[in-house]
C-alpha atoms as a PDB file:
ATOM      1  CA  MET A   1    -335.828  11.852 163.495  1.00  0.00           C
ATOM      2  CA  THR A   2    -336.952  12.435 159.876  1.00  0.00           C
ATOM      3  CA  ALA A   3    -338.350   8.677 158.835  1.00  0.00           C
ATOM      4  CA  LEU A   4    -336.737   7.151 155.673  1.00  0.00           C
ATOM      5  CA  PRO A   5    -339.404   7.608 152.507  1.00  0.00           C
ATOM      6  CA  PRO A   6    -340.885   3.951 151.653  1.00  0.00           C
ATOM      7  CA  ALA A   7    -338.965   3.869 148.251  1.00  0.00           C
ATOM      8  CA  LEU A   8    -335.634   4.121 150.369  1.00  0.00           C
ATOM      9  CA  ILE A   9    -336.341   1.333 153.006  1.00  0.00           C
ATOM     10  CA  HIS A  10    -337.556  -0.831 149.903  1.00  0.00           C
ATOM     11  CA  VAL A  11    -334.467  -0.181 148.341  1.00  0.00           C
ATOM     12  CA  ARG A  12    -332.493  -1.104 150.936  1.00  0.00           C
ATOM     13  CA  ARG A  13    -334.327  -4.263 151.581  1.00  0.00           C
ATOM     14  CA  GLY A  14    -334.049  -5.403 148.310  1.00  0.00           C
ATOM     15  CA  MET A  15    -330.266  -4.936 148.666  1.00  0.00           C
ATOM     16  CA  VAL A  16    -330.009  -6.676 151.826  1.00  0.00           C
ATOM     17  CA  THR A  17    -331.760  -9.294 150.465  1.00  0.00           C
ATOM     18  CA  LEU A  18    -329.719  -9.927 147.259  1.00  0.00           C
ATOM     19  CA  PHE A  19    -326.833  -9.778 149.375  1.00  0.00           C
ATOM     20  CA  ALA A  20    -328.106 -12.590 151.899  1.00  0.00           C
ATOM     21  CA  ARG A  21    -328.739 -14.353 148.432  1.00  0.00           C
ATOM     22  CA  ARG A  22    -325.403 -14.237 146.834  1.00  0.00           C
ATOM     23  CA  PHE A  23    -323.460 -15.262 150.052  1.00  0.00           C
ATOM     24  CA  LEU A  24    -325.707 -18.278 151.075  1.00  0.00           C
ATOM     25  CA  ASP A  25    -324.761 -19.322 147.676  1.00  0.00           C
ATOM     26  CA  HIS A  26    -321.524 -19.535 148.515  1.00  0.00           C
ATOM     27  CA  ARG A  27    -321.497 -23.009 150.433  1.00  0.00           C
ATOM     28  CA  LEU A  28    -317.796 -22.799 151.782  1.00  0.00           C
ATOM     29  CA  ALA A  29    -318.193 -19.238 152.882  1.00  0.00           C
ATOM     30  CA  VAL A  30    -321.436 -20.389 154.644  1.00  0.00           C
ATOM     31  CA  ALA A  31    -319.888 -23.286 156.231  1.00  0.00           C
ATOM     32  CA  SER A  32    -316.876 -21.264 157.367  1.00  0.00           C
ATOM     33  CA  ALA A  33    -319.423 -18.790 159.328  1.00  0.00           C
ATOM     34  CA  VAL A  34    -320.615 -21.697 161.190  1.00  0.00           C
ATOM     35  CA  VAL A  35    -317.032 -22.693 161.818  1.00  0.00           C
ATOM     36  CA  LEU A  36    -316.080 -19.419 162.987  1.00  0.00           C
ATOM     37  CA  ALA A  37    -319.207 -19.047 164.734  1.00  0.00           C
ATOM     38  CA  LEU A  38    -318.420 -22.210 166.740  1.00  0.00           C
ATOM     39  CA  LEU A  39    -314.802 -21.837 167.587  1.00  0.00           C
ATOM     40  CA  ALA A  40    -315.625 -18.033 168.640  1.00  0.00           C
ATOM     41  CA  LEU A  41    -318.255 -19.751 170.620  1.00  0.00           C
ATOM     42  CA  LEU A  42    -316.071 -22.401 172.468  1.00  0.00           C
ATOM     43  CA  ALA A  43    -313.199 -19.969 173.106  1.00  0.00           C
ATOM     44  CA  VAL A  44    -315.667 -17.719 174.582  1.00  0.00           C
ATOM     45  CA  ALA A  45    -316.937 -21.008 176.626  1.00  0.00           C
ATOM     46  CA  ALA A  46    -313.303 -21.574 178.320  1.00  0.00           C
ATOM     47  CA  PRO A  47    -314.389 -21.103 181.811  1.00  0.00           C
ATOM     48  CA  VAL A  48    -317.489 -22.755 181.627  1.00  0.00           C
ATOM     49  CA  ALA A  49    -315.288 -25.698 179.787  1.00  0.00           C
ATOM     50  CA  GLU A  50    -312.872 -25.745 182.387  1.00  0.00           C
ATOM     51  CA  TRP A  51    -315.356 -25.379 185.488  1.00  0.00           C
ATOM     52  CA  ALA A  52    -317.276 -28.851 183.883  1.00  0.00           C
ATOM     53  CA  LEU A  53    -314.588 -30.580 183.543  1.00  0.00           C
ATOM     54  CA  GLY A  54    -312.760 -29.864 186.624  1.00  0.00           C
ATOM     55  CA  VAL A  55    -309.469 -28.420 185.934  1.00  0.00           C
ATOM     56  CA  ASP A  56    -307.031 -25.806 185.432  1.00  0.00           C
ATOM     57  CA  ALA A  57    -305.981 -24.550 182.158  1.00  0.00           C
ATOM     58  CA  ASN A  58    -302.748 -22.938 184.030  1.00  0.00           C
ATOM     59  CA  ALA A  59    -302.113 -25.765 186.662  1.00  0.00           C
ATOM     60  CA  VAL A  60    -298.651 -27.619 186.476  1.00  0.00           C
ATOM     61  CA  SER A  61    -298.650 -31.215 187.456  1.00  0.00           C
ATOM     62  CA  LEU A  62    -295.755 -33.513 186.399  1.00  0.00           C
ATOM     63  CA  ALA A  63    -297.436 -36.733 187.816  1.00  0.00           C
ATOM     64  CA  ALA A  64    -299.896 -35.802 185.056  1.00  0.00           C
ATOM     65  CA  ARG A  65    -297.613 -35.813 181.894  1.00  0.00           C
ATOM     66  CA  PHE A  66    -298.748 -37.106 178.662  1.00  0.00           C
ATOM     67  CA  LEU A  67    -301.389 -38.336 180.381  1.00  0.00           C
ATOM     68  CA  PRO A  68    -304.421 -40.329 177.426  1.00  0.00           C
ATOM     69  CA  PRO A  69    -308.442 -38.842 176.951  1.00  0.00           C
ATOM     70  CA  SER A  70    -310.284 -39.484 179.406  1.00  0.00           C
ATOM     71  CA  ALA A  71    -313.402 -37.891 180.950  1.00  0.00           C
ATOM     72  CA  THR A  72    -311.444 -35.540 182.964  1.00  0.00           C
ATOM     73  CA  HIS A  73    -308.968 -34.938 180.405  1.00  0.00           C
ATOM     74  CA  PRO A  74    -310.734 -35.063 176.891  1.00  0.00           C
ATOM     75  CA  LEU A  75    -307.560 -34.754 174.892  1.00  0.00           C
ATOM     76  CA  GLY A  76    -305.027 -35.856 177.775  1.00  0.00           C
ATOM     77  CA  THR A  77    -302.616 -33.635 179.073  1.00  0.00           C
ATOM     78  CA  ASP A  78    -299.348 -31.486 177.813  1.00  0.00           C
ATOM     79  CA  GLU A  79    -296.088 -31.807 178.793  1.00  0.00           C
ATOM     80  CA  LEU A  80    -296.308 -30.111 181.817  1.00  0.00           C
ATOM     81  CA  GLY A  81    -299.575 -31.711 182.589  1.00  0.00           C
ATOM     82  CA  ARG A  82    -302.084 -28.877 182.022  1.00  0.00           C
ATOM     83  CA  ASP A  83    -305.150 -29.951 180.456  1.00  0.00           C
ATOM     84  CA  LEU A  84    -304.960 -29.662 176.706  1.00  0.00           C
ATOM     85  CA  LEU A  85    -308.578 -28.961 175.953  1.00  0.00           C
ATOM     86  CA  ALA A  86    -308.620 -25.990 178.306  1.00  0.00           C
ATOM     87  CA  ARG A  87    -305.370 -24.770 176.809  1.00  0.00           C
ATOM     88  CA  LEU A  88    -306.935 -24.827 173.150  1.00  0.00           C
ATOM     89  CA  LEU A  89    -309.838 -23.283 174.112  1.00  0.00           C
ATOM     90  CA  TYR A  90    -308.376 -20.483 175.921  1.00  0.00           C
ATOM     91  CA  GLY A  91    -305.172 -20.338 173.026  1.00  0.00           C
ATOM     92  CA  GLY A  92    -308.454 -19.580 170.904  1.00  0.00           C
ATOM     93  CA  ARG A  93    -309.471 -16.937 173.095  1.00  0.00           C
ATOM     94  CA  VAL A  94    -306.037 -15.449 172.401  1.00  0.00           C
ATOM     95  CA  SER A  95    -305.263 -15.944 168.872  1.00  0.00           C
ATOM     96  CA  LEU A  96    -308.723 -15.050 167.774  1.00  0.00           C
ATOM     97  CA  ILE A  97    -308.530 -11.650 169.858  1.00  0.00           C
ATOM     98  CA  VAL A  98    -305.021 -10.735 168.186  1.00  0.00           C
ATOM     99  CA  GLY A  99    -306.309 -11.636 164.719  1.00  0.00           C
ATOM    100  CA  LEU A 100    -310.082  -9.484 165.287  1.00  0.00           C
ATOM    101  CA  ALA A 101    -308.251  -6.766 166.998  1.00  0.00           C
ATOM    102  CA  ALA A 102    -305.268  -6.084 164.863  1.00  0.00           C
ATOM    103  CA  ALA A 103    -307.251  -6.587 161.848  1.00  0.00           C
ATOM    104  CA  LEU A 104    -309.653  -4.213 162.447  1.00  0.00           C
ATOM    105  CA  ALA A 105    -306.747  -1.656 163.959  1.00  0.00           C
ATOM    106  CA  SER A 106    -305.120  -1.833 160.423  1.00  0.00           C
ATOM    107  CA  ALA A 107    -308.297  -1.510 158.795  1.00  0.00           C
ATOM    108  CA  VAL A 108    -309.136   1.751 161.099  1.00  0.00           C
ATOM    109  CA  ILE A 109    -305.442   3.051 159.824  1.00  0.00           C
ATOM    110  CA  GLY A 110    -305.736   2.147 156.294  1.00  0.00           C
ATOM    111  CA  THR A 111    -309.174   3.946 155.875  1.00  0.00           C
ATOM    112  CA  VAL A 112    -308.158   7.016 157.294  1.00  0.00           C
ATOM    113  CA  ILE A 113    -304.866   7.200 155.224  1.00  0.00           C
ATOM    114  CA  GLY A 114    -306.747   6.209 152.090  1.00  0.00           C
ATOM    115  CA  LEU A 115    -309.762   8.650 152.578  1.00  0.00           C
ATOM    116  CA  ALA A 116    -307.451  11.638 153.217  1.00  0.00           C
ATOM    117  CA  ALA A 117    -305.573  10.556 150.084  1.00  0.00           C
ATOM    118  CA  GLY A 118    -308.133  10.047 147.438  1.00  0.00           C
ATOM    119  CA  TYR A 119    -310.585  12.936 148.603  1.00  0.00           C
ATOM    120  CA  TYR A 120    -307.874  15.727 148.783  1.00  0.00           C
ATOM    121  CA  GLY A 121    -305.510  14.130 146.374  1.00  0.00           C
ATOM    122  CA  GLY A 122    -302.285  15.819 144.699  1.00  0.00           C
ATOM    123  CA  LYS A 123    -299.114  16.173 147.083  1.00  0.00           C
ATOM    124  CA  LEU A 124    -300.600  14.470 150.186  1.00  0.00           C
ATOM    125  CA  ASP A 125    -301.877  11.490 147.806  1.00  0.00           C
ATOM    126  CA  ILE A 126    -297.945  11.371 146.716  1.00  0.00           C
ATOM    127  CA  VAL A 127    -296.902  11.529 150.243  1.00  0.00           C
ATOM    128  CA  LEU A 128    -299.407   8.590 151.606  1.00  0.00           C
ATOM    129  CA  MET A 129    -299.162   6.315 149.124  1.00  0.00           C
ATOM    130  CA  ARG A 130    -295.148   6.416 148.924  1.00  0.00           C
ATOM    131  CA  LEU A 131    -295.498   5.696 152.432  1.00  0.00           C
ATOM    132  CA  THR A 132    -297.647   2.994 151.705  1.00  0.00           C
ATOM    133  CA  ASP A 133    -295.360   1.673 149.130  1.00  0.00           C
ATOM    134  CA  GLY A 134    -292.303   1.936 151.619  1.00  0.00           C
ATOM    135  CA  VAL A 135    -294.315  -0.430 154.305  1.00  0.00           C
ATOM    136  CA  ILE A 136    -295.264  -2.456 151.594  1.00  0.00           C
ATOM    137  CA  ALA A 137    -291.051  -3.330 150.099  1.00  0.00           C
ATOM    138  CA  LEU A 138    -290.369  -3.655 153.715  1.00  0.00           C
ATOM    139  CA  PRO A 139    -289.468  -7.403 154.601  1.00  0.00           C
ATOM    140  CA  LEU A 140    -292.663  -8.687 156.689  1.00  0.00           C
ATOM    141  CA  LEU A 141    -291.346 -11.414 159.126  1.00  0.00           C
ATOM    142  CA  PRO A 142    -287.737  -9.985 159.323  1.00  0.00           C
ATOM    143  CA  LEU A 143    -289.648  -6.572 160.355  1.00  0.00           C
ATOM    144  CA  LEU A 144    -291.960  -8.148 162.752  1.00  0.00           C
ATOM    145  CA  ILE A 145    -288.974 -10.122 164.637  1.00  0.00           C
ATOM    146  CA  VAL A 146    -287.157  -7.059 165.006  1.00  0.00           C
ATOM    147  CA  LEU A 147    -290.012  -4.613 166.679  1.00  0.00           C
ATOM    148  CA  ALA A 148    -291.044  -7.729 168.956  1.00  0.00           C
ATOM    149  CA  ALA A 149    -287.446  -8.268 170.048  1.00  0.00           C
ATOM    150  CA  VAL A 150    -287.574  -5.207 171.199  1.00  0.00           C
ATOM    151  CA  ASP A 151    -287.078  -4.524 174.860  1.00  0.00           C
ATOM    152  CA  LEU A 152    -289.806  -2.487 176.313  1.00  0.00           C
ATOM    153  CA  THR A 153    -287.499  -1.442 179.417  1.00  0.00           C
ATOM    154  CA  LYS A 154    -285.443   0.388 176.681  1.00  0.00           C
ATOM    155  CA  ILE A 155    -287.962   2.339 176.023  1.00  0.00           C
ATOM    156  CA  GLY A 156    -288.855   3.769 179.128  1.00  0.00           C
ATOM    157  CA  LEU A 157    -291.803   1.385 180.002  1.00  0.00           C
ATOM    158  CA  PRO A 158    -291.540   0.388 183.680  1.00  0.00           C
ATOM    159  CA  GLU A 159    -289.831  -3.351 183.994  1.00  0.00           C
ATOM    160  CA  ALA A 160    -293.005  -4.488 185.817  1.00  0.00           C
ATOM    161  CA  LEU A 161    -295.017  -3.151 182.792  1.00  0.00           C
ATOM    162  CA  ALA A 162    -292.875  -4.632 180.918  1.00  0.00           C
ATOM    163  CA  ARG A 163    -292.712  -7.934 182.090  1.00  0.00           C
ATOM    164  CA  ASP A 164    -296.327  -8.569 182.547  1.00  0.00           C
ATOM    165  CA  ALA A 165    -297.630 -11.463 179.984  1.00  0.00           C
ATOM    166  CA  ASP A 166    -300.672  -9.117 178.905  1.00  0.00           C
ATOM    167  CA  VAL A 167    -298.496  -6.684 177.684  1.00  0.00           C
ATOM    168  CA  SER A 168    -297.388  -9.325 175.133  1.00  0.00           C
ATOM    169  CA  LEU A 169    -300.910  -9.355 173.909  1.00  0.00           C
ATOM    170  CA  TYR A 170    -301.324  -5.638 173.403  1.00  0.00           C
ATOM    171  CA  ARG A 171    -297.829  -5.336 171.802  1.00  0.00           C
ATOM    172  CA  MET A 172    -298.772  -7.977 169.343  1.00  0.00           C
ATOM    173  CA  VAL A 173    -301.834  -6.598 168.259  1.00  0.00           C
ATOM    174  CA  ALA A 174    -299.730  -3.012 167.795  1.00  0.00           C
ATOM    175  CA  ILE A 175    -296.709  -4.303 166.399  1.00  0.00           C
ATOM    176  CA  ILE A 176    -299.256  -6.402 163.412  1.00  0.00           C
ATOM    177  CA  ALA A 177    -301.546  -3.346 163.022  1.00  0.00           C
ATOM    178  CA  LEU A 178    -298.766  -1.214 162.430  1.00  0.00           C
ATOM    179  CA  VAL A 179    -297.678  -3.025 158.805  1.00  0.00           C
ATOM    180  CA  SER A 180    -300.723  -4.285 157.431  1.00  0.00           C
ATOM    181  CA  TRP A 181    -302.760  -1.716 157.059  1.00  0.00           C
ATOM    182  CA  THR A 182    -301.386  -1.095 153.486  1.00  0.00           C
ATOM    183  CA  THR A 183    -304.090  -3.270 151.620  1.00  0.00           C
ATOM    184  CA  VAL A 184    -307.295  -1.499 152.970  1.00  0.00           C
ATOM    185  CA  ALA A 185    -305.634   2.084 152.179  1.00  0.00           C
ATOM    186  CA  ARG A 186    -304.857   1.192 148.626  1.00  0.00           C
ATOM    187  CA  LEU A 187    -308.460  -0.184 148.200  1.00  0.00           C
ATOM    188  CA  VAL A 188    -310.431   2.698 150.397  1.00  0.00           C
ATOM    189  CA  ARG A 189    -307.853   5.566 148.105  1.00  0.00           C
ATOM    190  CA  GLY A 190    -309.279   3.967 144.981  1.00  0.00           C
ATOM    191  CA  ALA A 191    -312.967   3.553 145.939  1.00  0.00           C
ATOM    192  CA  THR A 192    -312.644   7.344 146.994  1.00  0.00           C
ATOM    193  CA  LEU A 193    -311.312   8.549 143.731  1.00  0.00           C
ATOM    194  CA  SER A 194    -313.913   7.176 142.264  1.00  0.00           C
ATOM    195  CA  VAL A 195    -316.512   8.216 144.602  1.00  0.00           C
ATOM    196  CA  ARG A 196    -315.682  11.967 145.223  1.00  0.00           C
ATOM    197  CA  GLU A 197    -316.657  12.459 141.553  1.00  0.00           C
ATOM    198  CA  ARG A 198    -320.330  11.634 141.939  1.00  0.00           C
ATOM    199  CA  GLU A 199    -323.511  13.924 141.709  1.00  0.00           C
ATOM    200  CA  PHE A 200    -324.173  13.244 145.743  1.00  0.00           C
ATOM    201  CA  VAL A 201    -320.700  14.321 146.729  1.00  0.00           C
ATOM    202  CA  LEU A 202    -320.609  17.332 143.996  1.00  0.00           C
ATOM    203  CA  ALA A 203    -323.835  18.282 145.607  1.00  0.00           C
ATOM    204  CA  ALA A 204    -322.765  18.217 149.246  1.00  0.00           C
ATOM    205  CA  THR A 205    -319.676  20.158 148.049  1.00  0.00           C
ATOM    206  CA  ALA A 206    -322.061  22.992 146.689  1.00  0.00           C
ATOM    207  CA  CYS A 207    -323.755  23.319 149.973  1.00  0.00           C
ATOM    208  CA  GLY A 208    -321.044  24.379 152.117  1.00  0.00           C
ATOM    209  CA  ALA A 209    -320.263  20.688 153.772  1.00  0.00           C
ATOM    210  CA  GLY A 210    -316.857  20.492 155.070  1.00  0.00           C
ATOM    211  CA  PRO A 211    -314.135  17.611 153.767  1.00  0.00           C
ATOM    212  CA  LEU A 212    -314.641  15.794 157.003  1.00  0.00           C
ATOM    213  CA  ARG A 213    -318.505  15.602 156.852  1.00  0.00           C
ATOM    214  CA  ILE A 214    -318.050  14.369 153.572  1.00  0.00           C
ATOM    215  CA  MET A 215    -315.518  11.878 153.752  1.00  0.00           C
ATOM    216  CA  THR A 216    -317.487  10.379 156.787  1.00  0.00           C
ATOM    217  CA  VAL A 217    -321.165  10.609 155.711  1.00  0.00           C
ATOM    218  CA  HIS A 218    -320.965  10.775 151.979  1.00  0.00           C
ATOM    219  CA  ILE A 219    -317.862   8.699 150.895  1.00  0.00           C
ATOM    220  CA  LEU A 220    -316.966   6.153 153.658  1.00  0.00           C
ATOM    221  CA  PRO A 221    -320.395   3.921 153.355  1.00  0.00           C
ATOM    222  CA  ASN A 222    -319.999   3.222 149.679  1.00  0.00           C
ATOM    223  CA  VAL A 223    -316.521   2.290 150.213  1.00  0.00           C
ATOM    224  CA  VAL A 224    -317.077   0.252 153.163  1.00  0.00           C
ATOM    225  CA  SER A 225    -317.599  -2.962 150.848  1.00  0.00           C
ATOM    226  CA  PRO A 226    -313.928  -3.329 150.030  1.00  0.00           C
ATOM    227  CA  ILE A 227    -313.112  -2.677 153.588  1.00  0.00           C
ATOM    228  CA  ILE A 228    -315.189  -5.528 155.148  1.00  0.00           C
ATOM    229  CA  VAL A 229    -313.860  -7.952 152.777  1.00  0.00           C
ATOM    230  CA  ALA A 230    -309.931  -6.588 153.185  1.00  0.00           C
ATOM    231  CA  THR A 231    -310.414  -6.915 157.128  1.00  0.00           C
ATOM    232  CA  THR A 232    -312.001 -10.052 156.935  1.00  0.00           C
ATOM    233  CA  LEU A 233    -309.503 -11.371 154.981  1.00  0.00           C
ATOM    234  CA  SER A 234    -306.817 -10.291 156.669  1.00  0.00           C
ATOM    235  CA  VAL A 235    -307.794 -12.013 159.886  1.00  0.00           C
ATOM    236  CA  GLY A 236    -306.459 -15.137 158.907  1.00  0.00           C
ATOM    237  CA  ASN A 237    -302.501 -13.298 158.185  1.00  0.00           C
ATOM    238  CA  VAL A 238    -302.625 -11.713 161.060  1.00  0.00           C
ATOM    239  CA  ILE A 239    -303.316 -15.287 162.980  1.00  0.00           C
ATOM    240  CA  LEU A 240    -300.628 -16.899 161.081  1.00  0.00           C
ATOM    241  CA  LEU A 241    -298.058 -13.639 162.122  1.00  0.00           C
ATOM    242  CA  GLU A 242    -299.017 -14.425 165.639  1.00  0.00           C
ATOM    243  CA  SER A 243    -298.669 -17.743 165.610  1.00  0.00           C
ATOM    244  CA  VAL A 244    -295.373 -17.835 163.922  1.00  0.00           C
ATOM    245  CA  LEU A 245    -293.987 -15.353 166.488  1.00  0.00           C
ATOM    246  CA  SER A 246    -295.328 -17.128 169.160  1.00  0.00           C
ATOM    247  CA  PHE A 247    -293.670 -19.995 167.756  1.00  0.00           C
ATOM    248  CA  LEU A 248    -290.054 -17.901 168.065  1.00  0.00           C
ATOM    249  CA  GLY A 249    -290.805 -17.228 171.442  1.00  0.00           C
ATOM    250  CA  LEU A 250    -291.327 -13.423 170.440  1.00  0.00           C
ATOM    251  CA  GLY A 251    -295.025 -13.728 170.384  1.00  0.00           C
ATOM    252  CA  ILE A 252    -297.858 -14.219 173.057  1.00  0.00           C
ATOM    253  CA  GLN A 253    -295.473 -15.113 176.772  1.00  0.00           C
ATOM    254  CA  PRO A 254    -296.921 -17.692 179.166  1.00  0.00           C
ATOM    255  CA  PRO A 255    -298.737 -18.470 180.994  1.00  0.00           C
ATOM    256  CA  ILE A 256    -300.932 -16.740 178.440  1.00  0.00           C
ATOM    257  CA  ALA A 257    -301.708 -19.575 176.239  1.00  0.00           C
ATOM    258  CA  SER A 258    -302.175 -19.443 172.272  1.00  0.00           C
ATOM    259  CA  TRP A 259    -301.780 -21.944 169.797  1.00  0.00           C
ATOM    260  CA  GLY A 260    -298.760 -20.283 168.733  1.00  0.00           C
ATOM    261  CA  ASN A 261    -296.588 -20.794 171.788  1.00  0.00           C
ATOM    262  CA  MET A 262    -298.654 -24.123 172.502  1.00  0.00           C
ATOM    263  CA  LEU A 263    -296.624 -25.100 169.148  1.00  0.00           C
ATOM    264  CA  THR A 264    -293.184 -23.667 170.567  1.00  0.00           C
ATOM    265  CA  GLY A 265    -293.657 -26.087 173.933  1.00  0.00           C
ATOM    266  CA  ALA A 266    -294.569 -29.328 171.963  1.00  0.00           C
ATOM    267  CA  GLN A 267    -291.959 -28.627 169.221  1.00  0.00           C
ATOM    268  CA  GLU A 268    -289.590 -31.451 170.624  1.00  0.00           C
ATOM    269  CA  LEU A 269    -291.888 -33.725 171.287  1.00  0.00           C
ATOM    270  CA  ILE A 270    -293.421 -33.977 167.618  1.00  0.00           C
ATOM    271  CA  TRP A 271    -292.559 -37.658 167.806  1.00  0.00           C
ATOM    272  CA  SER A 272    -293.322 -38.972 171.241  1.00  0.00           C
ATOM    273  CA  ALA A 273    -296.470 -36.957 171.626  1.00  0.00           C
ATOM    274  CA  PRO A 274    -297.720 -35.829 168.217  1.00  0.00           C
ATOM    275  CA  GLU A 275    -301.121 -34.677 169.384  1.00  0.00           C
ATOM    276  CA  LEU A 276    -299.802 -31.654 171.311  1.00  0.00           C
ATOM    277  CA  VAL A 277    -298.595 -30.269 168.110  1.00  0.00           C
ATOM    278  CA  PHE A 278    -301.817 -31.502 165.789  1.00  0.00           C
ATOM    279  CA  TRP A 279    -304.418 -29.857 167.783  1.00  0.00           C
ATOM    280  CA  PRO A 280    -303.023 -26.662 168.037  1.00  0.00           C
ATOM    281  CA  GLY A 281    -301.771 -26.606 164.430  1.00  0.00           C
ATOM    282  CA  ALA A 282    -305.214 -28.430 163.382  1.00  0.00           C
ATOM    283  CA  LEU A 283    -306.982 -25.172 164.721  1.00  0.00           C
ATOM    284  CA  ILE A 284    -304.492 -22.695 163.130  1.00  0.00           C
ATOM    285  CA  PHE A 285    -305.068 -24.260 159.893  1.00  0.00           C
ATOM    286  CA  LEU A 286    -308.734 -24.043 160.321  1.00  0.00           C
ATOM    287  CA  THR A 287    -309.452 -21.030 161.238  1.00  0.00           C
ATOM    288  CA  VAL A 288    -307.168 -19.357 158.655  1.00  0.00           C
ATOM    289  CA  ILE A 289    -308.893 -20.864 155.800  1.00  0.00           C
ATOM    290  CA  ALA A 290    -312.282 -20.250 157.404  1.00  0.00           C
ATOM    291  CA  PHE A 291    -311.590 -16.543 157.228  1.00  0.00           C
ATOM    292  CA  ASN A 292    -310.365 -17.128 153.765  1.00  0.00           C
ATOM    293  CA  PHE A 293    -313.093 -18.851 152.693  1.00  0.00           C
ATOM    294  CA  LEU A 294    -315.186 -15.973 154.610  1.00  0.00           C
ATOM    295  CA  GLY A 295    -313.958 -13.139 153.077  1.00  0.00           C
ATOM    296  CA  ASP A 296    -313.957 -15.090 149.112  1.00  0.00           C
ATOM    297  CA  GLY A 297    -317.972 -15.176 149.948  1.00  0.00           C
ATOM    298  CA  LEU A 298    -318.240 -11.473 151.265  1.00  0.00           C
ATOM    299  CA  GLN A 299    -316.293 -10.494 148.295  1.00  0.00           C
ATOM    300  CA  ASP A 300    -318.651 -12.031 145.858  1.00  0.00           C
ATOM    301  CA  ALA A 301    -321.965 -11.289 147.466  1.00  0.00           C
ATOM    302  CA  LEU A 302    -320.906  -7.546 148.003  1.00  0.00           C
ATOM    303  CA  ASP A 303    -319.309  -7.032 144.548  1.00  0.00           C
ATOM    304  CA  PRO A 304    -321.597  -4.104 142.845  1.00  0.00           C
ATOM    305  CA  ARG A 305    -320.630  -6.144 139.186  1.00  0.00           C
ATOM    306  CA  ALA A 306    -322.388  -9.241 140.005  1.00  0.00           C
ATOM    307  CA  ILE A 307    -325.217 -10.204 138.501  1.00  0.00           C
ATOM    308  CA  ALA A 308    -328.119 -11.213 140.739  1.00  0.00           C
ATOM    309  CA  ARG A 309    -329.407 -14.916 140.067  1.00  0.00           C
END
């Protein structure tokens, strides 16, 4: 494998240093990154916390309903006697997985559509952008409610599989990804229209490189910054959408816990047991705002027009 020239290595190191300095200057973004890393670590460690406390997140005990915080139940128990902390940690797993998976899937779809539209142009560009406009024009929440309410057995899925609790997780990721790719598609198309006219792309075309190679090797690395920023910002929106659908009973289905369906179970207990509403609501708010601040920080750090300080 051919080694990179020392001058190129120096330039790349300088770009990484400049990015790190710009990002670290954005204190809210740094704090948000720390908060998100901590939430992810706690979610991953959910089984360890469950074992350490000696509880089962899904074990129902009507005799242990609404217990106050204690050494065994640090945040108390819910309306079915389940440990609230353990369910919050497992709910964080689901909400973060749905948010990240749907955001990444929509980024892939949007990148493919944006690259094709920007590189080829012409009629393909017109068709793909009108498709994008059509998806943007759709009323998002009613559309998601309709898609989430579709009975999977009516489209040929076996009933046992359709009723599987895990299927609701995959279904939620797929539904949100199918309607959330438009922002990435527009950003990638605009960046591709600019990059495709640059000298290195024209040189690659003159050397006989095919369209696929030009798009993946020469154009994609130069439009990755807006993709990263848009994907980061969309994670918070996806988590909100998942929470809304789960709150309406159309998202993640019990016994799988998510912050959204935990709110559903507690909506009638807001006065008698407000902590059951407060904790999942606070975590949703904290996660969404942290992803938004992180996206803002990445946008500032990756902006090529930013002046180095």
